[in-house]
PDB file of N, CA and C in Angstrom:
ATOM      1  N   UNK A   1     273.887 -76.158 -20.700  1.00  0.00           N
ATOM      2  CA  UNK A   1     273.557 -77.524 -20.337  1.00  0.00           C
ATOM      3  C   UNK A   1     272.051 -77.735 -20.483  1.00  0.00           C
ATOM      4  N   UNK A   2     271.649 -78.792 -21.148  1.00  0.00           N
ATOM      5  CA  UNK A   2     270.225 -79.037 -21.329  1.00  0.00           C
ATOM      6  C   UNK A   2     269.484 -79.301 -20.027  1.00  0.00           C
ATOM      7  N   UNK A   3     270.114 -79.895 -19.056  1.00  0.00           N
ATOM      8  CA  UNK A   3     269.409 -80.221 -17.820  1.00  0.00           C
ATOM      9  C   UNK A   3     269.069 -78.964 -17.025  1.00  0.00           C
ATOM     10  N   UNK A   4     269.909 -77.945 -17.111  1.00  0.00           N
ATOM     11  CA  UNK A   4     269.620 -76.685 -16.410  1.00  0.00           C
ATOM     12  C   UNK A   4     268.415 -76.009 -17.038  1.00  0.00           C
ATOM     13  N   UNK A   5     268.347 -75.977 -18.364  1.00  0.00           N
ATOM     14  CA  UNK A   5     267.208 -75.367 -19.054  1.00  0.00           C
ATOM     15  C   UNK A   5     265.918 -76.135 -18.758  1.00  0.00           C
ATOM     16  N   UNK A   6     266.015 -77.453 -18.727  1.00  0.00           N
ATOM     17  CA  UNK A   6     264.838 -78.264 -18.424  1.00  0.00           C
ATOM     18  C   UNK A   6     264.367 -78.012 -16.990  1.00  0.00           C
ATOM     19  N   UNK A   7     265.306 -77.843 -16.074  1.00  0.00           N
ATOM     20  CA  UNK A   7     264.951 -77.530 -14.685  1.00  0.00           C
ATOM     21  C   UNK A   7     264.235 -76.196 -14.578  1.00  0.00           C
ATOM     22  N   UNK A   8     264.705 -75.197 -15.307  1.00  0.00           N
ATOM     23  CA  UNK A   8     264.044 -73.891 -15.314  1.00  0.00           C
ATOM     24  C   UNK A   8     262.641 -73.993 -15.890  1.00  0.00           C
ATOM     25  N   UNK A   9     262.494 -74.807 -16.932  1.00  0.00           N
ATOM     26  CA  UNK A   9     261.179 -75.010 -17.529  1.00  0.00           C
ATOM     27  C   UNK A   9     260.225 -75.675 -16.538  1.00  0.00           C
ATOM     28  N   UNK A  10     260.707 -76.639 -15.788  1.00  0.00           N
ATOM     29  CA  UNK A  10     259.867 -77.303 -14.787  1.00  0.00           C
ATOM     30  C   UNK A  10     259.451 -76.348 -13.677  1.00  0.00           C
ATOM     31  N   UNK A  11     260.369 -75.486 -13.246  1.00  0.00           N
ATOM     32  CA  UNK A  11     260.033 -74.488 -12.218  1.00  0.00           C
ATOM     33  C   UNK A  11     258.970 -73.541 -12.744  1.00  0.00           C
ATOM     34  N   UNK A  12     259.139 -73.080 -13.972  1.00  0.00           N
ATOM     35  CA  UNK A  12     258.161 -72.181 -14.584  1.00  0.00           C
ATOM     36  C   UNK A  12     256.791 -72.846 -14.675  1.00  0.00           C
ATOM     37  N   UNK A  13     256.753 -74.094 -15.141  1.00  0.00           N
ATOM     38  CA  UNK A  13     255.487 -74.819 -15.260  1.00  0.00           C
ATOM     39  C   UNK A  13     254.829 -74.999 -13.897  1.00  0.00           C
ATOM     40  N   UNK A  14     255.610 -75.265 -12.865  1.00  0.00           N
ATOM     41  CA  UNK A  14     255.053 -75.440 -11.522  1.00  0.00           C
ATOM     42  C   UNK A  14     254.446 -74.142 -11.012  1.00  0.00           C
ATOM     43  N   UNK A  15     255.103 -73.023 -11.266  1.00  0.00           N
ATOM     44  CA  UNK A  15     254.581 -71.728 -10.825  1.00  0.00           C
ATOM     45  C   UNK A  15     253.276 -71.410 -11.551  1.00  0.00           C
ATOM     46  N   UNK A  16     253.249 -71.646 -12.848  1.00  0.00           N
ATOM     47  CA  UNK A  16     252.027 -71.388 -13.618  1.00  0.00           C
ATOM     48  C   UNK A  16     250.890 -72.280 -13.139  1.00  0.00           C
ATOM     49  N   UNK A  17     251.161 -73.551 -12.916  1.00  0.00           N
ATOM     50  CA  UNK A  17     250.125 -74.468 -12.419  1.00  0.00           C
ATOM     51  C   UNK A  17     249.640 -74.068 -11.030  1.00  0.00           C
ATOM     52  N   UNK A  18     250.537 -73.593 -10.172  1.00  0.00           N
ATOM     53  CA  UNK A  18     250.135 -73.154  -8.838  1.00  0.00           C
ATOM     54  C   UNK A  18     249.226 -71.933  -8.926  1.00  0.00           C
ATOM     55  N   UNK A  19     249.547 -71.006  -9.803  1.00  0.00           N
ATOM     56  CA  UNK A  19     248.715 -69.804  -9.963  1.00  0.00           C
ATOM     57  C   UNK A  19     247.339 -70.174 -10.504  1.00  0.00           C
ATOM     58  N   UNK A  20     247.296 -71.030 -11.512  1.00  0.00           N
ATOM     59  CA  UNK A  20     246.017 -71.457 -12.083  1.00  0.00           C
ATOM     60  C   UNK A  20     245.197 -72.218 -11.044  1.00  0.00           C
ATOM     61  N   UNK A  21     245.830 -73.095 -10.293  1.00  0.00           N
ATOM     62  CA  UNK A  21     245.124 -73.828  -9.243  1.00  0.00           C
ATOM     63  C   UNK A  21     244.566 -72.909  -8.172  1.00  0.00           C
ATOM     64  N   UNK A  22     245.367 -71.913  -7.767  1.00  0.00           N
ATOM     65  CA  UNK A  22     244.901 -70.940  -6.779  1.00  0.00           C
ATOM     66  C   UNK A  22     243.683 -70.183  -7.290  1.00  0.00           C
ATOM     67  N   UNK A  23     243.713 -69.762  -8.549  1.00  0.00           N
ATOM     68  CA  UNK A  23     242.580 -69.027  -9.116  1.00  0.00           C
ATOM     69  C   UNK A  23     241.342 -69.909  -9.235  1.00  0.00           C
ATOM     70  N   UNK A  24     241.534 -71.176  -9.555  1.00  0.00           N
ATOM     71  CA  UNK A  24     240.383 -72.072  -9.642  1.00  0.00           C
ATOM     72  C   UNK A  24     239.746 -72.324  -8.280  1.00  0.00           C
ATOM     73  N   UNK A  25     240.557 -72.429  -7.249  1.00  0.00           N
ATOM     74  CA  UNK A  25     240.037 -72.704  -5.911  1.00  0.00           C
ATOM     75  C   UNK A  25     239.370 -71.465  -5.322  1.00  0.00           C
ATOM     76  N   UNK A  26     239.992 -70.312  -5.483  1.00  0.00           N
ATOM     77  CA  UNK A  26     239.487 -69.099  -4.841  1.00  0.00           C
ATOM     78  C   UNK A  26     238.789 -68.152  -5.805  1.00  0.00           C
ATOM     79  N   UNK A  27     238.546 -68.588  -7.033  1.00  0.00           N
ATOM     80  CA  UNK A  27     237.961 -67.715  -8.050  1.00  0.00           C
ATOM     81  C   UNK A  27     236.619 -67.123  -7.658  1.00  0.00           C
ATOM     82  N   UNK A  28     235.787 -67.878  -6.979  1.00  0.00           N
ATOM     83  CA  UNK A  28     234.476 -67.358  -6.601  1.00  0.00           C
ATOM     84  C   UNK A  28     234.544 -66.442  -5.385  1.00  0.00           C
ATOM     85  N   UNK A  29     235.646 -66.477  -4.649  1.00  0.00           N
ATOM     86  CA  UNK A  29     235.761 -65.660  -3.437  1.00  0.00           C
ATOM     87  C   UNK A  29     236.501 -64.348  -3.668  1.00  0.00           C
ATOM     88  N   UNK A  30     237.048 -64.140  -4.857  1.00  0.00           N
ATOM     89  CA  UNK A  30     237.720 -62.875  -5.154  1.00  0.00           C
ATOM     90  C   UNK A  30     236.631 -61.829  -5.381  1.00  0.00           C
ATOM     91  N   UNK A  31     236.602 -60.768  -4.563  1.00  0.00           N
ATOM     92  CA  UNK A  31     235.462 -59.855  -4.597  1.00  0.00           C
ATOM     93  C   UNK A  31     235.296 -59.089  -5.908  1.00  0.00           C
ATOM     94  N   UNK A  32     236.371 -58.744  -6.588  1.00  0.00           N
ATOM     95  CA  UNK A  32     236.259 -57.936  -7.800  1.00  0.00           C
ATOM     96  C   UNK A  32     236.192 -58.775  -9.071  1.00  0.00           C
ATOM     97  N   UNK A  33     236.343 -60.079  -8.953  1.00  0.00           N
ATOM     98  CA  UNK A  33     236.393 -60.941 -10.137  1.00  0.00           C
ATOM     99  C   UNK A  33     235.051 -60.916 -10.854  1.00  0.00           C
ATOM    100  N   UNK A  34     235.049 -60.395 -12.082  1.00  0.00           N
ATOM    101  CA  UNK A  34     233.825 -60.303 -12.867  1.00  0.00           C
ATOM    102  C   UNK A  34     233.029 -59.056 -12.615  1.00  0.00           C
ATOM    103  N   UNK A  35     233.530 -58.141 -11.791  1.00  0.00           N
ATOM    104  CA  UNK A  35     232.796 -56.918 -11.485  1.00  0.00           C
ATOM    105  C   UNK A  35     233.611 -55.661 -11.786  1.00  0.00           C
ATOM    106  N   UNK A  36     234.660 -55.796 -12.552  1.00  0.00           N
ATOM    107  CA  UNK A  36     235.469 -54.640 -12.921  1.00  0.00           C
ATOM    108  C   UNK A  36     234.795 -53.865 -14.046  1.00  0.00           C
ATOM    109  N   UNK A  37     235.148 -52.585 -14.208  1.00  0.00           N
ATOM    110  CA  UNK A  37     234.619 -51.851 -15.372  1.00  0.00           C
ATOM    111  C   UNK A  37     235.066 -52.555 -16.655  1.00  0.00           C
ATOM    112  N   UNK A  38     234.159 -52.733 -17.565  1.00  0.00           N
ATOM    113  CA  UNK A  38     234.469 -53.445 -18.800  1.00  0.00           C
ATOM    114  C   UNK A  38     233.986 -54.883 -18.791  1.00  0.00           C
ATOM    115  N   UNK A  39     233.470 -55.358 -17.664  1.00  0.00           N
ATOM    116  CA  UNK A  39     232.875 -56.691 -17.588  1.00  0.00           C
ATOM    117  C   UNK A  39     231.375 -56.565 -17.853  1.00  0.00           C
ATOM    118  N   UNK A  40     230.890 -57.314 -18.805  1.00  0.00           N
ATOM    119  CA  UNK A  40     229.494 -57.186 -19.222  1.00  0.00           C
ATOM    120  C   UNK A  40     228.743 -58.475 -18.955  1.00  0.00           C
ATOM    121  N   UNK A  41     227.528 -58.333 -18.417  1.00  0.00           N
ATOM    122  CA  UNK A  41     226.606 -59.454 -18.234  1.00  0.00           C
ATOM    123  C   UNK A  41     225.408 -59.210 -19.133  1.00  0.00           C
ATOM    124  N   UNK A  42     225.214 -60.074 -20.105  1.00  0.00           N
ATOM    125  CA  UNK A  42     224.102 -59.933 -21.035  1.00  0.00           C
ATOM    126  C   UNK A  42     223.068 -61.008 -20.732  1.00  0.00           C
ATOM    127  N   UNK A  43     221.846 -60.584 -20.482  1.00  0.00           N
ATOM    128  CA  UNK A  43     220.749 -61.516 -20.221  1.00  0.00           C
ATOM    129  C   UNK A  43     219.818 -61.477 -21.426  1.00  0.00           C
ATOM    130  N   UNK A  44     219.798 -62.569 -22.168  1.00  0.00           N
ATOM    131  CA  UNK A  44     218.979 -62.639 -23.372  1.00  0.00           C
ATOM    132  C   UNK A  44     218.021 -63.816 -23.226  1.00  0.00           C
ATOM    133  N   UNK A  45     216.752 -63.519 -23.183  1.00  0.00           N
ATOM    134  CA  UNK A  45     215.757 -64.574 -23.038  1.00  0.00           C
ATOM    135  C   UNK A  45     215.943 -65.311 -21.724  1.00  0.00           C
ATOM    136  N   UNK A  46     216.153 -66.597 -21.796  1.00  0.00           N
ATOM    137  CA  UNK A  46     216.340 -67.408 -20.605  1.00  0.00           C
ATOM    138  C   UNK A  46     217.799 -67.667 -20.270  1.00  0.00           C
ATOM    139  N   UNK A  47     218.712 -67.116 -21.041  1.00  0.00           N
ATOM    140  CA  UNK A  47     220.130 -67.385 -20.807  1.00  0.00           C
ATOM    141  C   UNK A  47     220.912 -66.108 -20.542  1.00  0.00           C
ATOM    142  N   UNK A  48     222.162 -66.285 -20.228  1.00  0.00           N
ATOM    143  CA  UNK A  48     223.006 -65.121 -19.989  1.00  0.00           C
ATOM    144  C   UNK A  48     224.419 -65.400 -20.496  1.00  0.00           C
ATOM    145  N   UNK A  49     225.085 -64.321 -20.877  1.00  0.00           N
ATOM    146  CA  UNK A  49     226.462 -64.388 -21.345  1.00  0.00           C
ATOM    147  C   UNK A  49     227.262 -63.370 -20.547  1.00  0.00           C
ATOM    148  N   UNK A  50     228.420 -63.778 -20.053  1.00  0.00           N
ATOM    149  CA  UNK A  50     229.292 -62.880 -19.309  1.00  0.00           C
ATOM    150  C   UNK A  50     230.569 -62.667 -20.103  1.00  0.00           C
ATOM    151  N   UNK A  51     230.893 -61.408 -20.387  1.00  0.00           N
ATOM    152  CA  UNK A  51     232.111 -61.045 -21.100  1.00  0.00           C
ATOM    153  C   UNK A  51     233.043 -60.359 -20.109  1.00  0.00           C
ATOM    154  N   UNK A  52     234.099 -61.046 -19.715  1.00  0.00           N
ATOM    155  CA  UNK A  52     235.016 -60.529 -18.701  1.00  0.00           C
ATOM    156  C   UNK A  52     236.192 -59.802 -19.356  1.00  0.00           C
ATOM    157  N   UNK A  53     235.906 -58.726 -20.058  1.00  0.00           N
ATOM    158  CA  UNK A  53     236.952 -57.989 -20.766  1.00  0.00           C
ATOM    159  C   UNK A  53     237.861 -57.260 -19.779  1.00  0.00           C
ATOM    160  N   UNK A  54     237.292 -56.535 -18.831  1.00  0.00           N
ATOM    161  CA  UNK A  54     238.092 -55.805 -17.844  1.00  0.00           C
ATOM    162  C   UNK A  54     238.921 -56.738 -16.972  1.00  0.00           C
ATOM    163  N   UNK A  55     238.326 -57.822 -16.526  1.00  0.00           N
ATOM    164  CA  UNK A  55     239.045 -58.794 -15.700  1.00  0.00           C
ATOM    165  C   UNK A  55     240.161 -59.460 -16.504  1.00  0.00           C
ATOM    166  N   UNK A  56     239.911 -59.747 -17.777  1.00  0.00           N
ATOM    167  CA  UNK A  56     240.938 -60.360 -18.622  1.00  0.00           C
ATOM    168  C   UNK A  56     242.142 -59.439 -18.777  1.00  0.00           C
ATOM    169  N   UNK A  57     241.901 -58.154 -18.971  1.00  0.00           N
ATOM    170  CA  UNK A  57     242.999 -57.189 -19.091  1.00  0.00           C
ATOM    171  C   UNK A  57     243.774 -57.113 -17.779  1.00  0.00           C
ATOM    172  N   UNK A  58     243.065 -57.074 -16.661  1.00  0.00           N
ATOM    173  CA  UNK A  58     243.704 -57.010 -15.343  1.00  0.00           C
ATOM    174  C   UNK A  58     244.571 -58.244 -15.091  1.00  0.00           C
ATOM    175  N   UNK A  59     244.044 -59.423 -15.368  1.00  0.00           N
ATOM    176  CA  UNK A  59     244.794 -60.662 -15.165  1.00  0.00           C
ATOM    177  C   UNK A  59     245.991 -60.718 -16.116  1.00  0.00           C
ATOM    178  N   UNK A  60     245.819 -60.243 -17.330  1.00  0.00           N
ATOM    179  CA  UNK A  60     246.916 -60.223 -18.294  1.00  0.00           C
ATOM    180  C   UNK A  60     248.065 -59.343 -17.812  1.00  0.00           C
ATOM    181  N   UNK A  61     247.743 -58.182 -17.271  1.00  0.00           N
ATOM    182  CA  UNK A  61     248.783 -57.288 -16.751  1.00  0.00           C
ATOM    183  C   UNK A  61     249.492 -57.933 -15.562  1.00  0.00           C
ATOM    184  N   UNK A  62     248.732 -58.531 -14.650  1.00  0.00           N
ATOM    185  CA  UNK A  62     249.342 -59.194 -13.500  1.00  0.00           C
ATOM    186  C   UNK A  62     250.263 -60.340 -13.927  1.00  0.00           C
ATOM    187  N   UNK A  63     249.811 -61.152 -14.860  1.00  0.00           N
ATOM    188  CA  UNK A  63     250.635 -62.274 -15.315  1.00  0.00           C
ATOM    189  C   UNK A  63     251.873 -61.787 -16.064  1.00  0.00           C
ATOM    190  N   UNK A  64     251.748 -60.705 -16.824  1.00  0.00           N
ATOM    191  CA  UNK A  64     252.906 -60.156 -17.529  1.00  0.00           C
ATOM    192  C   UNK A  64     253.970 -59.691 -16.546  1.00  0.00           C
ATOM    193  N   UNK A  65     253.554 -58.982 -15.517  1.00  0.00           N
ATOM    194  CA  UNK A  65     254.511 -58.516 -14.510  1.00  0.00           C
ATOM    195  C   UNK A  65     255.134 -59.693 -13.770  1.00  0.00           C
ATOM    196  N   UNK A  66     254.300 -60.656 -13.361  1.00  0.00           N
ATOM    197  CA  UNK A  66     254.811 -61.803 -12.613  1.00  0.00           C
ATOM    198  C   UNK A  66     255.780 -62.636 -13.450  1.00  0.00           C
ATOM    199  N   UNK A  67     255.449 -62.870 -14.707  1.00  0.00           N
ATOM    200  CA  UNK A  67     256.329 -63.676 -15.547  1.00  0.00           C
ATOM    201  C   UNK A  67     257.617 -62.944 -15.883  1.00  0.00           C
ATOM    202  N   UNK A  68     257.553 -61.633 -16.089  1.00  0.00           N
ATOM    203  CA  UNK A  68     258.779 -60.871 -16.325  1.00  0.00           C
ATOM    204  C   UNK A  68     259.705 -60.928 -15.115  1.00  0.00           C
ATOM    205  N   UNK A  69     259.133 -60.813 -13.920  1.00  0.00           N
ATOM    206  CA  UNK A  69     259.948 -60.929 -12.708  1.00  0.00           C
ATOM    207  C   UNK A  69     260.549 -62.329 -12.589  1.00  0.00           C
ATOM    208  N   UNK A  70     259.747 -63.342 -12.881  1.00  0.00           N
ATOM    209  CA  UNK A  70     260.233 -64.717 -12.810  1.00  0.00           C
ATOM    210  C   UNK A  70     261.367 -64.961 -13.799  1.00  0.00           C
ATOM    211  N   UNK A  71     261.212 -64.485 -15.021  1.00  0.00           N
ATOM    212  CA  UNK A  71     262.267 -64.661 -16.026  1.00  0.00           C
ATOM    213  C   UNK A  71     263.535 -63.926 -15.644  1.00  0.00           C
ATOM    214  N   UNK A  72     263.406 -62.740 -15.053  1.00  0.00           N
ATOM    215  CA  UNK A  72     264.598 -62.010 -14.620  1.00  0.00           C
ATOM    216  C   UNK A  72     265.323 -62.763 -13.501  1.00  0.00           C
ATOM    217  N   UNK A  73     264.561 -63.364 -12.592  1.00  0.00           N
ATOM    218  CA  UNK A  73     265.163 -64.110 -11.501  1.00  0.00           C
ATOM    219  C   UNK A  73     265.837 -65.382 -12.019  1.00  0.00           C
ATOM    220  N   UNK A  74     265.194 -66.086 -12.937  1.00  0.00           N
ATOM    221  CA  UNK A  74     265.747 -67.336 -13.451  1.00  0.00           C
ATOM    222  C   UNK A  74     266.932 -67.126 -14.384  1.00  0.00           C
ATOM    223  N   UNK A  75     267.040 -65.979 -15.015  1.00  0.00           N
ATOM    224  CA  UNK A  75     268.134 -65.736 -15.947  1.00  0.00           C
ATOM    225  C   UNK A  75     269.392 -65.182 -15.279  1.00  0.00           C
ATOM    226  N   UNK A  76     269.378 -64.990 -13.994  1.00  0.00           N
ATOM    227  CA  UNK A  76     270.572 -64.472 -13.304  1.00  0.00           C
ATOM    228  C   UNK A  76     271.625 -65.491 -13.197  1.00  0.00           C
TER     229      UNK A  76
END
């Protein structure tokens, strides 16, 4: 049924939006955010560049696990 699939899509979108909103609100208060091994701060002249490679990998792993769990729950 198309309406069931659309409902699952809406639930998925709501969960993703809630996670993104939570990270935007509390992003500066997460103690390890931007300070993991592999995160680089480059100060060149009067500017700076931050490369969050370690944090990106960590967030990617967390989202992969969370989405796999969500898909398993929704496909039952």
